[in-house]
Amino acid sequence: MIRPKTDGSAISQLATLVSGLHSGEATVFGITHDSRSVQTGDLYVALLGANNHGIDFLDEAIANGAVAVASDSHGTQVAKQKGFPVIELVNAREDMAKLAAEIYGHPETRLTLTGVTGTNGKTTTTHILRSIFLDAQKHVGVIGTLGTYLDEEHLPGARTTPESTDLYATLAVMAERGITHVFMEVSSHALALSRVSGIKFDVAIFTNLTQDHLDFHGSMDNYFAAKALLFTPEYSKQAIICTDDDWGVKLAAKVKIPTVTIGAKGEWKTTKANSSADGITTQQIDINNADSILVSVNMLGSYNATNAACALAATQLLGLPIAASLESLKKVRSIPGRLEKVSIESPGTAIVDYAHTPDAVATVLTVVKDANPKRIITVIGCGGDRDSLKRPLMGKVAAQLSDIVIVTDDNPRSEDPEAIRKAVLAGTKDCPAQVLEVGDRRVAILQALKLSEPGDVIAVLGKGHETGQEISGQVFPFDDRVVIREESKNV
């Protein structure tokens, strides 16, 4: 994780931001919640986790250079017994964010921040904005699923929205390097777990809400409530809300901050989008009964027209001329793992997409279908330790919109891969597609390539840009795009 330079903060002063309770004195120059990531001079935040308490890793943190600990009452007692300086936390995650903001000099106040949330479209919308603002000669940062971007530099990341200790460090580095505009994906987990606590976004964007993450939130209402936090005065100054689904309508009706609605019945009224064979999607927008504008974006699919409309509205709120933004939309920089075409040496056309929800799978395969391929061959799986209710739904959608479906492994994580595949396969019953089960993802991709004929499209879904596959706690190198190219030589 990248770190900025800091002047140092005294434990006694930091304690006044949280409980006020502290013991001992030290000056800290950084902060982290991960004992493995501790650097010399760090404040180590020991959190209670699902399986362990962070204080169990105190010795590792000390060995790596920690000079103080922030934790709950249990953690501080353990640290005190070792004679270590401590700060006691009351609301651990909120307090962690406060400490990180202070240690890193409140970088959020020196940046223009846009937060994008929604089940689908977060990555695409942030990267459309990045492309437009780079064209406008701005210094641009992005934080999200694809990692971190500082202008043209790319750094890989583990989470859609980093924990607050890493997030504030990243924002501070961005401010240090002269970045002016930051576009950030804000996940429901980040909002529920206070990862973005203390940040007030200049603009917040809502794309949509469809089933996902119910393993964490428990219900769609809870999932929505987490997303809706971003659109409160505490977190954002103004909002852009797509109202093409019921959740967007519900959100627009309850927000208390200035809002622009986008959709068929929005203040930015959109017409049906049309995609052409040359990869351009166009859509007309009537803005507040003013003159109409025609949006053209070099991406396929009506959903990308909607993402482009949301980004366009944001550029206007952020002060860019709308005419210049419209020109930039015609040449948006490519986005890894999003309807990404992969060159192959065997018959057919191959694409890779991150689609990992029922709605996203339906959206991508509909775009493919609209291109009138001879057949659609879909390779799909579901991740382990995630929302299990969506698995048969994803299988059903794939089998409804494809000619051949190969159910394989995604990231099984700690679950039994066969059990995951079985759940996906259950949704494919009574669908017209030919359905195969091939557990090994490489072999599944090879099988799809072997079945492909000229005019077919092979859609490999679920992992997109990812370069690893997590199985039983280990991450093995695996990039769908690389594997497709390699195996196409073996057909």
Foldseek 3Di string as FASTA:
>chain_A
DAFDWFPWDKPQVLLVLFVSDKDDIDTAQAEDQDLVPAAARYEHEFDQDPPHTRLVCVVSNVVRHHQEYEYAPVSVVVCVVVVGIYHHHDLRQLSSLSSLCVSLVNLLVQAQEEEEEEPDLLQVLQLLLLLLVVVVVAFEWEAADQAIDGNPDGDGDDHRQDASRVNSRVSSVSVVVRHHYYYGYQYLCCQVRVRVQPHEHAEYEYQYYDDWQCVPQVDSVSRLVSVLVCQERRHYQEYEFEPPDPSSVVSVVPGDHHYFYEYCPTLFHKDQWDADPQQKIWIWTQHNVDDIDIAIANHFFRSSVSSLVRSLVVVVSVPDDSVSSSVSRHPRDDDFQCQAWFDAPFADTEGGHQDAALVSLLRVLVRVVVSPFPFEEEEDFHEAPIPLVRQLSNLQSCLQRGQEYEYEYAAPAQHDRVVRSVSNVVNNPPGNHHYHYDHPSLVSLLVSRVPDHHRYYYYYYNQTQDQWHHDHRDTHGDDPSVSNHVSSVVD
